[in-house]
């Protein structure tokens, strides 16, 4: 990828960056990772994981709702678009390996070059990429037809392999409703 694949519009008066009409913030990776480590240390992993899950699930639903409307996408196309955009924004390269909304209401996603696995390798206890679990539950809840962020809690997700452990080449997540 030679340059950003996402459109970035900067308001000359306010300096606000937008992609597809949504306000964005451009951050250095160390800022995100160091905050992640500090908050996890202050709250404990279980409490932080729960808070992250709620916040990121809500954000995923909000983003999916806006992008579906902006681009006139089906629910499944929006789900796939969400992970393509996350990949284009430097979080890592997500690939949707399995996705079933009707039969068993489940899916699996692989993540290569995760920002957390790369930056926290040897500095934390895997799984390191649990932040993405809420991204997946929110996007999947949206795909299943729930625009209510509280319904995302009915979808569960777990990181089942983490590249941060040195044993796996990539991270893997499974989710189901």
C-alpha atoms as a PDB file:
ATOM      1  CA  UNK A   1       0.000   0.000   0.000  1.00  0.00           C
ATOM      2  CA  UNK A   2       1.683   3.189  -1.190  1.00  0.00           C
ATOM      3  CA  UNK A   3      -0.564   5.657   0.637  1.00  0.00           C
ATOM      4  CA  UNK A   4      -3.790   5.783   2.588  1.00  0.00           C
ATOM      5  CA  UNK A   5      -6.659   4.021   0.841  1.00  0.00           C
ATOM      6  CA  UNK A   6      -9.239   5.846   2.923  1.00  0.00           C
ATOM      7  CA  UNK A   7     -10.396   9.280   1.843  1.00  0.00           C
ATOM      8  CA  UNK A   8      -9.308  11.993   4.278  1.00  0.00           C
ATOM      9  CA  UNK A   9     -10.927  15.415   4.175  1.00  0.00           C
ATOM     10  CA  UNK A  10      -9.506  18.119   6.425  1.00  0.00           C
ATOM     11  CA  UNK A  11     -11.693  21.074   7.358  1.00  0.00           C
ATOM     12  CA  UNK A  12      -9.473  24.142   6.779  1.00  0.00           C
ATOM     13  CA  UNK A  13     -11.226  26.117   9.531  1.00  0.00           C
ATOM     14  CA  UNK A  14     -11.386  23.540  12.318  1.00  0.00           C
ATOM     15  CA  UNK A  15      -8.619  21.097  11.347  1.00  0.00           C
ATOM     16  CA  UNK A  16     -11.030  18.191  11.856  1.00  0.00           C
ATOM     17  CA  UNK A  17     -10.197  15.155   9.733  1.00  0.00           C
ATOM     18  CA  UNK A  18     -13.127  13.240   8.258  1.00  0.00           C
ATOM     19  CA  UNK A  19     -13.480  10.006   6.348  1.00  0.00           C
ATOM     20  CA  UNK A  20     -16.857   9.425   4.721  1.00  0.00           C
ATOM     21  CA  UNK A  21     -18.206  12.265   6.856  1.00  0.00           C
ATOM     22  CA  UNK A  22     -17.096  10.760  10.194  1.00  0.00           C
ATOM     23  CA  UNK A  23     -14.638  12.772  12.335  1.00  0.00           C
ATOM     24  CA  UNK A  24     -11.286  11.030  12.772  1.00  0.00           C
ATOM     25  CA  UNK A  25      -8.142  11.473  14.854  1.00  0.00           C
ATOM     26  CA  UNK A  26      -4.673  10.605  13.601  1.00  0.00           C
ATOM     27  CA  UNK A  27      -2.510   9.268  16.462  1.00  0.00           C
ATOM     28  CA  UNK A  28       0.989   7.844  16.772  1.00  0.00           C
ATOM     29  CA  UNK A  29       0.909   4.138  17.606  1.00  0.00           C
ATOM     30  CA  UNK A  30       2.937   4.612  20.780  1.00  0.00           C
ATOM     31  CA  UNK A  31       0.235   6.920  22.180  1.00  0.00           C
ATOM     32  CA  UNK A  32      -2.459   4.279  21.725  1.00  0.00           C
ATOM     33  CA  UNK A  33      -0.302   1.399  22.945  1.00  0.00           C
ATOM     34  CA  UNK A  34       1.101   3.251  25.978  1.00  0.00           C
ATOM     35  CA  UNK A  35      -2.395   4.339  27.028  1.00  0.00           C
ATOM     36  CA  UNK A  36      -3.603   0.764  26.603  1.00  0.00           C
ATOM     37  CA  UNK A  37      -0.811  -0.519  28.868  1.00  0.00           C
ATOM     38  CA  UNK A  38      -1.329   2.200  31.483  1.00  0.00           C
ATOM     39  CA  UNK A  39      -5.095   1.742  31.712  1.00  0.00           C
ATOM     40  CA  UNK A  40      -4.831  -2.041  31.837  1.00  0.00           C
ATOM     41  CA  UNK A  41      -2.272  -1.672  34.623  1.00  0.00           C
ATOM     42  CA  UNK A  42      -4.474   0.715  36.594  1.00  0.00           C
ATOM     43  CA  UNK A  43      -7.742  -1.189  36.243  1.00  0.00           C
ATOM     44  CA  UNK A  44      -6.581  -4.769  35.839  1.00  0.00           C
ATOM     45  CA  UNK A  45      -7.027  -6.758  32.653  1.00  0.00           C
ATOM     46  CA  UNK A  46     -10.490  -8.156  33.368  1.00  0.00           C
ATOM     47  CA  UNK A  47     -12.043  -4.769  34.179  1.00  0.00           C
ATOM     48  CA  UNK A  48     -10.297  -3.051  31.272  1.00  0.00           C
ATOM     49  CA  UNK A  49     -11.258  -5.824  28.861  1.00  0.00           C
ATOM     50  CA  UNK A  50     -14.911  -5.450  29.873  1.00  0.00           C
ATOM     51  CA  UNK A  51     -14.846  -1.656  29.454  1.00  0.00           C
ATOM     52  CA  UNK A  52     -13.084  -1.914  26.099  1.00  0.00           C
ATOM     53  CA  UNK A  53     -15.572  -4.487  24.903  1.00  0.00           C
ATOM     54  CA  UNK A  54     -18.532  -2.241  25.684  1.00  0.00           C
ATOM     55  CA  UNK A  55     -16.952   0.874  24.182  1.00  0.00           C
ATOM     56  CA  UNK A  56     -15.615  -0.750  21.023  1.00  0.00           C
ATOM     57  CA  UNK A  57     -18.847  -2.669  20.382  1.00  0.00           C
ATOM     58  CA  UNK A  58     -20.811   0.590  20.589  1.00  0.00           C
ATOM     59  CA  UNK A  59     -18.314   2.301  18.287  1.00  0.00           C
ATOM     60  CA  UNK A  60     -18.477  -0.534  15.766  1.00  0.00           C
ATOM     61  CA  UNK A  61     -22.267  -0.344  15.630  1.00  0.00           C
ATOM     62  CA  UNK A  62     -22.183   3.439  15.284  1.00  0.00           C
ATOM     63  CA  UNK A  63     -19.579   3.232  12.496  1.00  0.00           C
ATOM     64  CA  UNK A  64     -21.428   0.432  10.676  1.00  0.00           C
ATOM     65  CA  UNK A  65     -24.708   2.325  10.847  1.00  0.00           C
ATOM     66  CA  UNK A  66     -23.096   5.447   9.335  1.00  0.00           C
ATOM     67  CA  UNK A  67     -21.126   3.583   6.649  1.00  0.00           C
ATOM     68  CA  UNK A  68     -24.101   1.456   5.578  1.00  0.00           C
ATOM     69  CA  UNK A  69     -26.076   4.640   5.009  1.00  0.00           C
ATOM     70  CA  UNK A  70     -23.212   6.553   3.356  1.00  0.00           C
ATOM     71  CA  UNK A  71     -22.336   3.783   0.914  1.00  0.00           C
ATOM     72  CA  UNK A  72     -25.752   2.070   0.662  1.00  0.00           C
ATOM     73  CA  UNK A  73     -24.263  -1.255   1.778  1.00  0.00           C
ATOM     74  CA  UNK A  74     -25.989  -4.445   2.866  1.00  0.00           C
ATOM     75  CA  UNK A  75     -25.361  -5.567   6.435  1.00  0.00           C
ATOM     76  CA  UNK A  76     -22.790  -8.191   5.407  1.00  0.00           C
ATOM     77  CA  UNK A  77     -21.050  -5.807   3.007  1.00  0.00           C
ATOM     78  CA  UNK A  78     -20.871  -3.264   5.846  1.00  0.00           C
ATOM     79  CA  UNK A  79     -19.298  -5.865   8.146  1.00  0.00           C
ATOM     80  CA  UNK A  80     -16.633  -6.675   5.562  1.00  0.00           C
ATOM     81  CA  UNK A  81     -16.117  -2.969   4.764  1.00  0.00           C
ATOM     82  CA  UNK A  82     -15.542  -2.286   8.476  1.00  0.00           C
ATOM     83  CA  UNK A  83     -12.640  -4.715   8.708  1.00  0.00           C
ATOM     84  CA  UNK A  84     -11.208  -3.582   5.382  1.00  0.00           C
ATOM     85  CA  UNK A  85     -11.197   0.007   6.685  1.00  0.00           C
ATOM     86  CA  UNK A  86      -9.580  -1.030   9.978  1.00  0.00           C
ATOM     87  CA  UNK A  87      -6.882  -2.743   7.927  1.00  0.00           C
ATOM     88  CA  UNK A  88      -6.378   0.412   5.877  1.00  0.00           C
ATOM     89  CA  UNK A  89      -6.013   2.512   9.033  1.00  0.00           C
ATOM     90  CA  UNK A  90      -3.034   0.643  10.453  1.00  0.00           C
ATOM     91  CA  UNK A  91      -4.601  -1.565  13.133  1.00  0.00           C
ATOM     92  CA  UNK A  92      -3.318  -4.688  11.325  1.00  0.00           C
ATOM     93  CA  UNK A  93      -4.568  -6.750   8.384  1.00  0.00           C
ATOM     94  CA  UNK A  94      -7.925  -8.321   9.136  1.00  0.00           C
ATOM     95  CA  UNK A  95      -9.330 -11.156   7.047  1.00  0.00           C
ATOM     96  CA  UNK A  96     -12.817 -12.536   7.443  1.00  0.00           C
ATOM     97  CA  UNK A  97     -12.243 -16.285   7.355  1.00  0.00           C
ATOM     98  CA  UNK A  98     -15.767 -17.478   8.114  1.00  0.00           C
ATOM     99  CA  UNK A  99     -19.068 -15.643   8.396  1.00  0.00           C
ATOM    100  CA  UNK A 100     -22.551 -17.074   8.850  1.00  0.00           C
ATOM    101  CA  UNK A 101     -25.510 -14.895   9.769  1.00  0.00           C
ATOM    102  CA  UNK A 102     -28.203 -17.476   9.180  1.00  0.00           C
ATOM    103  CA  UNK A 103     -27.030 -21.018   9.858  1.00  0.00           C
ATOM    104  CA  UNK A 104     -24.895 -21.064  12.994  1.00  0.00           C
ATOM    105  CA  UNK A 105     -24.630 -17.273  13.507  1.00  0.00           C
ATOM    106  CA  UNK A 106     -20.886 -17.291  13.953  1.00  0.00           C
ATOM    107  CA  UNK A 107     -17.655 -16.278  12.331  1.00  0.00           C
ATOM    108  CA  UNK A 108     -13.886 -16.183  12.502  1.00  0.00           C
ATOM    109  CA  UNK A 109     -11.394 -13.441  11.710  1.00  0.00           C
ATOM    110  CA  UNK A 110      -7.621 -13.590  11.380  1.00  0.00           C
ATOM    111  CA  UNK A 111      -5.435 -10.594  12.146  1.00  0.00           C
ATOM    112  CA  UNK A 112      -1.910 -10.245  10.863  1.00  0.00           C
ATOM    113  CA  UNK A 113       0.468  -7.543  12.067  1.00  0.00           C
ATOM    114  CA  UNK A 114      -1.764  -6.470  14.943  1.00  0.00           C
ATOM    115  CA  UNK A 115      -0.637  -3.181  16.433  1.00  0.00           C
ATOM    116  CA  UNK A 116      -0.832  -4.724  19.898  1.00  0.00           C
ATOM    117  CA  UNK A 117       0.953  -7.997  19.088  1.00  0.00           C
ATOM    118  CA  UNK A 118       3.754  -6.090  17.355  1.00  0.00           C
ATOM    119  CA  UNK A 119       4.169  -3.349  19.953  1.00  0.00           C
ATOM    120  CA  UNK A 120       3.602  -5.404  23.115  1.00  0.00           C
ATOM    121  CA  UNK A 121       5.458  -8.574  22.125  1.00  0.00           C
ATOM    122  CA  UNK A 122       7.462  -9.660  25.199  1.00  0.00           C
ATOM    123  CA  UNK A 123       5.881  -6.859  27.291  1.00  0.00           C
ATOM    124  CA  UNK A 124       2.559  -8.415  28.184  1.00  0.00           C
ATOM    125  CA  UNK A 125       0.800 -11.688  28.781  1.00  0.00           C
ATOM    126  CA  UNK A 126      -1.156 -12.891  25.706  1.00  0.00           C
ATOM    127  CA  UNK A 127      -3.788 -12.573  24.550  1.00  0.00           C
ATOM    128  CA  UNK A 128      -2.753  -9.003  23.765  1.00  0.00           C
ATOM    129  CA  UNK A 129      -5.314  -8.122  21.101  1.00  0.00           C
ATOM    130  CA  UNK A 130      -8.519  -8.462  23.113  1.00  0.00           C
ATOM    131  CA  UNK A 131      -9.373  -4.855  22.248  1.00  0.00           C
ATOM    132  CA  UNK A 132     -10.631  -6.139  18.899  1.00  0.00           C
ATOM    133  CA  UNK A 133     -13.205  -8.480  20.468  1.00  0.00           C
ATOM    134  CA  UNK A 134     -15.674  -5.618  20.891  1.00  0.00           C
ATOM    135  CA  UNK A 135     -15.051  -4.452  17.327  1.00  0.00           C
ATOM    136  CA  UNK A 136     -16.166  -7.899  16.164  1.00  0.00           C
ATOM    137  CA  UNK A 137     -19.163  -8.274  18.447  1.00  0.00           C
ATOM    138  CA  UNK A 138     -20.472  -4.823  17.541  1.00  0.00           C
ATOM    139  CA  UNK A 139     -20.016  -5.294  13.805  1.00  0.00           C
ATOM    140  CA  UNK A 140     -21.571  -8.768  13.969  1.00  0.00           C
ATOM    141  CA  UNK A 141     -24.517  -7.517  16.056  1.00  0.00           C
ATOM    142  CA  UNK A 142     -25.052  -4.845  13.393  1.00  0.00           C
ATOM    143  CA  UNK A 143     -24.886  -7.475  10.659  1.00  0.00           C
ATOM    144  CA  UNK A 144     -27.458  -9.604  12.465  1.00  0.00           C
ATOM    145  CA  UNK A 145     -29.843  -6.678  12.384  1.00  0.00           C
ATOM    146  CA  UNK A 146     -29.349  -5.112  15.773  1.00  0.00           C
ATOM    147  CA  UNK A 147     -28.767  -1.374  15.743  1.00  0.00           C
ATOM    148  CA  UNK A 148     -28.999  -1.356  19.550  1.00  0.00           C
ATOM    149  CA  UNK A 149     -25.512  -1.235  21.111  1.00  0.00           C
ATOM    150  CA  UNK A 150     -26.795  -3.104  24.161  1.00  0.00           C
ATOM    151  CA  UNK A 151     -27.640  -6.076  21.924  1.00  0.00           C
ATOM    152  CA  UNK A 152     -23.948  -6.493  21.076  1.00  0.00           C
ATOM    153  CA  UNK A 153     -23.570  -8.151  24.459  1.00  0.00           C
ATOM    154  CA  UNK A 154     -25.515 -11.104  23.046  1.00  0.00           C
ATOM    155  CA  UNK A 155     -22.628 -11.749  20.698  1.00  0.00           C
ATOM    156  CA  UNK A 156     -19.534 -13.257  22.250  1.00  0.00           C
ATOM    157  CA  UNK A 157     -16.010 -13.168  20.900  1.00  0.00           C
ATOM    158  CA  UNK A 158     -12.684 -14.509  22.076  1.00  0.00           C
ATOM    159  CA  UNK A 159      -9.166 -14.173  20.836  1.00  0.00           C
ATOM    160  CA  UNK A 160      -8.150 -17.817  20.522  1.00  0.00           C
ATOM    161  CA  UNK A 161      -4.606 -17.272  19.216  1.00  0.00           C
ATOM    162  CA  UNK A 162      -2.285 -14.278  19.609  1.00  0.00           C
ATOM    163  CA  UNK A 163       0.841 -13.543  17.606  1.00  0.00           C
ATOM    164  CA  UNK A 164       2.144 -11.807  20.722  1.00  0.00           C
ATOM    165  CA  UNK A 165       2.886 -15.177  22.310  1.00  0.00           C
ATOM    166  CA  UNK A 166       5.626 -15.952  19.787  1.00  0.00           C
ATOM    167  CA  UNK A 167       3.949 -19.245  18.921  1.00  0.00           C
ATOM    168  CA  UNK A 168       1.436 -18.039  16.330  1.00  0.00           C
ATOM    169  CA  UNK A 169       2.055 -16.174  13.082  1.00  0.00           C
ATOM    170  CA  UNK A 170      -1.165 -14.189  13.508  1.00  0.00           C
ATOM    171  CA  UNK A 171      -4.063 -13.585  15.863  1.00  0.00           C
ATOM    172  CA  UNK A 172      -7.361 -15.451  15.516  1.00  0.00           C
ATOM    173  CA  UNK A 173     -10.805 -14.570  16.820  1.00  0.00           C
ATOM    174  CA  UNK A 174     -14.039 -16.553  16.921  1.00  0.00           C
ATOM    175  CA  UNK A 175     -17.446 -15.041  17.583  1.00  0.00           C
ATOM    176  CA  UNK A 176     -21.045 -16.244  17.767  1.00  0.00           C
ATOM    177  CA  UNK A 177     -24.503 -15.079  18.719  1.00  0.00           C
END
